[in-house]
Structures are given as C-alpha cells and as structure tokens.
Amino acid sequence: MSTPDQSPAREPIFNIPGVILAIFAICAAVFLVENYVLTEAQDNNFLLDYAFIPARFSQFGGFHSPAAWLTTITYSFMHGSFAHIALNMVWLAAFGSPLAARIGPLRTSLFWIVTAVAAVMMHFAIYPASPIPLVGASGAISGMMGAAARFGFRRSTQRNSAAFTGPILPIAVALRTRTVLVFVAVWFITNIGTGLFAVVPGDAATIAWEAHIGGFLIGFLGIALFDRGDRR
C-alpha cells in the first residue's frame, strides 16, 4: 500500500498582516480616485479638505474644529505621486508587518493614528502659519521605524510569523546597541539631508522631514504603550 508524498509546507512569499494590507488598500484607493476619478478642481478641493494645512489651525481656529482635527489623520492616506506612494508602501511592508504581527490590528491602528498626529504636530510647531498642504504616510511609517529600533529589529523565526520578538529594549540599552545606534544615526542624517537638499516626490503637497522626526520619536519613545508582549 503506497502513500502520497508529503512535501514540507512552503513559506508564504509575502507575510503581511491584514491591517497593513488594509492601509495599502486605503492609500491605493485614495490615490486612484484623486488621479483618475476626480477632476482637477475636485482634486484641489479634496486636497484642501483632507490634507493637513498648518494655517488651518493657527489662523482659522482649527483647534476647535473636528473637521480640522480629522485632517491630522486623513493626510496620512494621501500621496502626491506614484513614486511617493510606492516608496512609502515598500517601507510600510518592511516595518509595519512585523510591528502589526507583534501588537495586533487594533493597537496597530491606534499606533498609526497617534504617530500620524504627532508627525504633523511636530511640523506645525515649526511652521504654524504655513498654507502648504502636507500629505503622505511617511510620518506614521517613521513611527513604525522608531518602534522597530526599540525591538532591536529582532524578528521571529517561527513559521508564518513576521513579528518582532523579545522584550522592548530600554532606551539606554537600545542606544548602546550598535545596530540600533547606526540605524538611528543614518535615519536622522538621511531624513534631514533629504528634507534640506532633495526634492521629495509629489507636487506642492508633501510631508516634511520635521514630520518624519515627530513620528519617529513617538514610535521610539512610546511603543511600550502599545505593546502586548511577546506571544510566541
């Protein structure tokens, strides 16, 4: 009596949690609607309604407006060009997947909101009167990069798991870890250099390096508030 061959289960090519795929889908849908459905006038109105504009808060009473506060989140799903969204989605897959696998979909969603708001508030603190719209997921993704550094970039070796593993490193320990220290140094130098000297993909509506730093710092310093522990 013969038995069929049993080949070992294959690892999935992409191991991306559902909440990260949902963010992908929202960003892609918004980009497609803006570029292929709305007229130019409608897209301009959409940008003014849902992008983050610092002057809306400093000059038009935005701190008392729920609609204005909504833009501190909605801007993170908008992008200025195909290169802009493509680059952000690559980084989201790389850093968002292990974080979401670690902390779960609800905490990931809350983390996204908090870091997105922190990112634009950092930009607002420096340019409170700016009338230029800001868009892009970079601030929230920078928060995920900051969180990754607190895990020392340790990834699970279990099958079908992309999660960060082990305890969160104390800040002093993380900053003494060579991998983390080099990453943080390169990250800051690259972001500041890019913000000062390079053209960011997109038109007038772009997200600045100051916002990246705001998101990164909140992710790095505050990830313990979102962590649910290593559930291996």
Protein backbone atom coordinates (compact mmCIF):
# COMPACT_ATOMS: atom_id res chain seq x y z
CA MET A 1 0.00 0.00 0.00
CA SER A 2 1.55 3.25 -1.07
CA THR A 3 1.13 6.68 0.48
CA PRO A 4 1.31 10.00 -1.34
CA ASP A 5 4.46 12.05 -0.98
CA GLN A 6 4.23 14.70 1.71
CA SER A 7 6.25 17.76 0.82
CA PRO A 8 7.02 20.32 3.51
CA ALA A 9 4.75 23.34 3.73
CA ARG A 10 6.07 26.28 1.85
CA GLU A 11 6.66 29.66 3.44
CA PRO A 12 4.41 32.39 2.01
CA ILE A 13 6.13 34.76 -0.39
CA PHE A 14 4.50 37.74 1.34
CA ASN A 15 3.72 37.65 5.06
CA ILE A 16 1.82 40.89 5.54
CA PRO A 17 -0.82 41.21 8.29
CA GLY A 18 -4.35 42.16 7.31
CA VAL A 19 -4.25 45.59 8.95
CA ILE A 20 -1.21 46.54 6.85
CA LEU A 21 -2.94 45.29 3.70
CA ALA A 22 -5.94 47.44 4.69
CA ILE A 23 -3.69 50.51 4.91
CA PHE A 24 -2.25 49.61 1.50
CA ALA A 25 -5.78 49.40 0.09
CA ILE A 26 -6.90 52.74 1.55
CA CYS A 27 -3.81 54.56 0.29
CA ALA A 28 -4.14 52.98 -3.17
CA ALA A 29 -7.86 53.75 -3.39
CA VAL A 30 -7.36 57.39 -2.40
CA PHE A 31 -4.50 57.76 -4.90
CA LEU A 32 -6.51 56.22 -7.74
CA VAL A 33 -9.59 58.34 -7.01
CA GLU A 34 -7.56 61.54 -6.87
CA ASN A 35 -5.68 60.84 -10.07
CA TYR A 36 -8.20 59.01 -12.25
CA VAL A 37 -11.70 59.84 -10.99
CA LEU A 38 -11.79 63.42 -9.71
CA THR A 39 -11.45 66.42 -11.97
CA GLU A 40 -8.59 68.82 -11.30
CA ALA A 41 -10.94 71.22 -9.48
CA GLN A 42 -12.43 68.38 -7.42
CA ASP A 43 -8.97 67.10 -6.55
CA ASN A 44 -7.91 70.56 -5.40
CA ASN A 45 -10.96 70.74 -3.14
CA PHE A 46 -10.25 67.23 -1.87
CA LEU A 47 -6.69 68.27 -1.05
CA LEU A 48 -7.87 71.36 0.82
CA ASP A 49 -10.46 69.36 2.75
CA TYR A 50 -8.37 66.37 3.79
CA ALA A 51 -4.66 67.30 3.67
CA PHE A 52 -3.05 68.78 6.77
CA ILE A 53 -2.63 72.56 6.49
CA PRO A 54 -0.89 74.23 9.46
CA ALA A 55 -2.54 77.60 8.82
CA ARG A 56 -5.94 75.97 9.28
CA PHE A 57 -5.07 75.59 12.95
CA SER A 58 -3.10 78.78 13.63
CA GLN A 59 -5.24 81.23 11.66
CA PHE A 60 -8.68 79.68 11.23
CA GLY A 61 -9.49 78.16 14.62
CA GLY A 62 -8.75 74.59 13.65
CA PHE A 63 -8.08 73.53 17.23
CA HIS A 64 -11.83 73.85 17.86
CA SER A 65 -12.87 72.14 14.64
CA PRO A 66 -13.43 68.35 14.46
CA ALA A 67 -13.07 68.56 10.66
CA ALA A 68 -9.64 70.16 11.01
CA TRP A 69 -8.52 67.53 13.51
CA LEU A 70 -9.69 64.83 11.09
CA THR A 71 -7.07 66.07 8.63
CA THR A 72 -4.32 65.14 11.10
CA ILE A 73 -5.19 61.54 10.18
CA THR A 74 -6.60 61.66 6.66
CA TYR A 75 -3.47 63.30 5.24
CA SER A 76 -1.56 60.10 6.01
CA PHE A 77 -3.56 58.18 3.37
CA MET A 78 -2.90 60.75 0.61
CA HIS A 79 0.15 60.90 -1.68
CA GLY A 80 1.45 63.36 -4.21
CA SER A 81 2.77 61.00 -6.89
CA PHE A 82 3.19 57.36 -7.82
CA ALA A 83 6.82 57.41 -6.65
CA HIS A 84 5.68 58.86 -3.32
CA ILE A 85 3.09 56.17 -2.60
CA ALA A 86 5.25 53.34 -3.97
CA LEU A 87 8.20 54.21 -1.74
CA ASN A 88 6.01 54.59 1.33
CA MET A 89 4.28 51.27 0.74
CA VAL A 90 7.63 49.47 0.50
CA TRP A 91 8.69 50.88 3.86
CA LEU A 92 5.26 50.14 5.33
CA ALA A 93 5.57 46.48 4.34
CA ALA A 94 9.08 46.24 5.77
CA PHE A 95 8.46 47.87 9.14
CA GLY A 96 4.69 47.74 9.55
CA SER A 97 4.35 43.99 9.01
CA PRO A 98 6.48 42.83 11.97
CA LEU A 99 5.03 45.54 14.20
CA ALA A 100 1.43 44.64 13.35
CA ALA A 101 2.18 40.93 13.81
CA ARG A 102 3.51 41.78 17.27
CA ILE A 103 0.87 44.21 18.59
CA GLY A 104 -2.24 43.19 16.65
CA PRO A 105 -4.61 45.09 14.31
CA LEU A 106 -6.38 47.32 16.85
CA ARG A 107 -3.17 48.54 18.50
CA THR A 108 -1.58 48.99 15.09
CA SER A 109 -4.49 51.20 14.03
CA LEU A 110 -4.18 53.28 17.21
CA PHE A 111 -0.42 53.46 16.74
CA TRP A 112 -0.92 54.74 13.18
CA ILE A 113 -3.31 57.45 14.38
CA VAL A 114 -1.09 58.61 17.23
CA THR A 115 2.09 58.75 15.17
CA ALA A 116 0.32 60.42 12.23
CA VAL A 117 -0.97 63.15 14.54
CA ALA A 118 2.40 63.53 16.28
CA ALA A 119 4.15 63.86 12.93
CA VAL A 120 2.09 66.79 11.70
CA MET A 121 2.05 68.46 15.10
CA MET A 122 5.85 68.50 15.02
CA HIS A 123 5.68 70.17 11.61
CA PHE A 124 3.02 72.58 12.89
CA ALA A 125 5.21 73.56 15.85
CA ILE A 126 7.92 74.70 13.40
CA TYR A 127 5.74 76.13 10.61
CA PRO A 128 2.44 77.13 12.28
CA ALA A 129 1.45 79.67 9.62
CA SER A 130 2.28 77.57 6.55
CA PRO A 131 -0.55 77.38 3.99
CA ILE A 132 1.08 74.45 2.17
CA PRO A 133 -0.84 71.13 2.40
CA LEU A 134 1.04 68.13 3.75
CA VAL A 135 0.26 64.57 2.66
CA GLY A 136 1.83 61.14 2.96
CA ALA A 137 2.17 58.11 5.19
CA SER A 138 5.82 58.85 5.95
CA GLY A 139 5.18 60.26 9.43
CA ALA A 140 3.30 57.20 10.66
CA ILE A 141 5.76 54.85 8.94
CA SER A 142 8.61 56.70 10.63
CA GLY A 143 6.88 55.88 13.90
CA MET A 144 6.99 52.21 12.94
CA MET A 145 10.71 52.55 12.24
CA GLY A 146 11.22 54.08 15.67
CA ALA A 147 9.30 51.21 17.26
CA ALA A 148 11.39 48.68 15.32
CA ALA A 149 14.54 50.16 16.83
CA ARG A 150 13.22 49.53 20.35
CA PHE A 151 12.85 45.84 19.47
CA GLY A 152 16.42 45.82 18.21
CA PHE A 153 14.98 44.65 14.86
CA ARG A 154 14.65 41.13 16.32
CA ARG A 155 12.28 39.07 14.16
CA SER A 156 10.55 35.81 15.00
CA THR A 157 11.98 32.66 13.45
CA GLN A 158 8.68 30.78 13.73
CA ARG A 159 6.98 29.60 10.56
CA ASN A 160 4.39 32.03 9.18
CA SER A 161 5.33 34.73 11.69
CA ALA A 162 6.83 38.09 10.83
CA ALA A 163 6.54 39.52 14.35
CA PHE A 164 9.14 41.41 16.29
CA THR A 165 10.20 39.20 19.15
CA GLY A 166 11.61 39.54 22.65
CA PRO A 167 11.14 42.34 25.18
CA ILE A 168 11.25 46.02 24.28
CA LEU A 169 14.76 47.29 24.87
CA PRO A 170 15.14 50.05 27.47
CA ILE A 171 16.03 53.32 25.77
CA ALA A 172 19.55 53.39 27.22
CA VAL A 173 20.18 49.81 26.12
CA ALA A 174 18.76 50.42 22.64
CA LEU A 175 21.03 53.42 22.13
CA ARG A 176 24.05 51.34 23.17
CA THR A 177 23.18 48.59 20.70
CA ARG A 178 25.34 49.05 17.61
CA THR A 179 22.66 48.04 15.09
CA VAL A 180 20.13 50.41 16.60
CA LEU A 181 22.60 53.24 17.05
CA VAL A 182 23.78 53.03 13.43
CA PHE A 183 20.21 52.82 12.15
CA VAL A 184 19.07 55.84 14.17
CA ALA A 185 22.10 57.90 13.11
CA VAL A 186 21.70 57.04 9.42
CA TRP A 187 17.94 57.60 9.62
CA PHE A 188 18.29 61.10 11.07
CA ILE A 189 21.08 62.13 8.71
CA THR A 190 19.20 60.81 5.68
CA ASN A 191 15.91 62.46 6.61
CA ILE A 192 17.42 65.82 7.45
CA GLY A 193 19.61 65.74 4.35
CA THR A 194 16.71 64.74 2.12
CA GLY A 195 14.48 67.41 3.60
CA LEU A 196 17.04 70.15 3.14
CA PHE A 197 18.62 69.29 -0.19
CA ALA A 198 16.46 66.85 -2.15
CA VAL A 199 13.13 67.06 -3.93
CA VAL A 200 10.51 64.88 -2.29
CA PRO A 201 8.19 63.02 -4.69
CA GLY A 202 4.98 64.95 -5.20
CA ASP A 203 3.93 68.45 -6.05
CA ALA A 204 3.31 71.23 -3.55
CA ALA A 205 1.65 68.81 -1.16
CA THR A 206 4.45 66.90 0.51
CA ILE A 207 5.29 65.84 4.03
CA ALA A 208 8.43 67.40 5.53
CA TRP A 209 11.36 65.82 7.33
CA GLU A 210 10.26 67.53 10.57
CA ALA A 211 7.11 65.41 10.49
CA HIS A 212 9.19 62.28 9.97
CA ILE A 213 11.15 63.08 13.13
CA GLY A 214 7.96 63.69 15.10
CA GLY A 215 6.58 60.30 14.12
CA PHE A 216 9.88 58.53 14.73
CA LEU A 217 10.30 59.96 18.23
CA ILE A 218 6.79 58.98 19.29
CA GLY A 219 7.26 55.48 17.92
CA PHE A 220 10.66 55.10 19.58
CA LEU A 221 9.66 56.54 22.95
CA GLY A 222 6.05 55.35 23.13
CA ILE A 223 5.94 51.83 21.69
CA ALA A 224 5.70 50.32 25.18
CA LEU A 225 2.22 51.86 25.50
CA PHE A 226 1.02 49.79 22.52
CA ASP A 227 2.91 46.54 23.04
CA ARG A 228 1.07 43.42 24.17
CA GLY A 229 4.18 41.37 24.86
CA ASP A 230 5.82 38.50 23.03
CA ARG A 231 3.08 35.95 22.37
CA ARG A 232 5.21 33.18 20.93
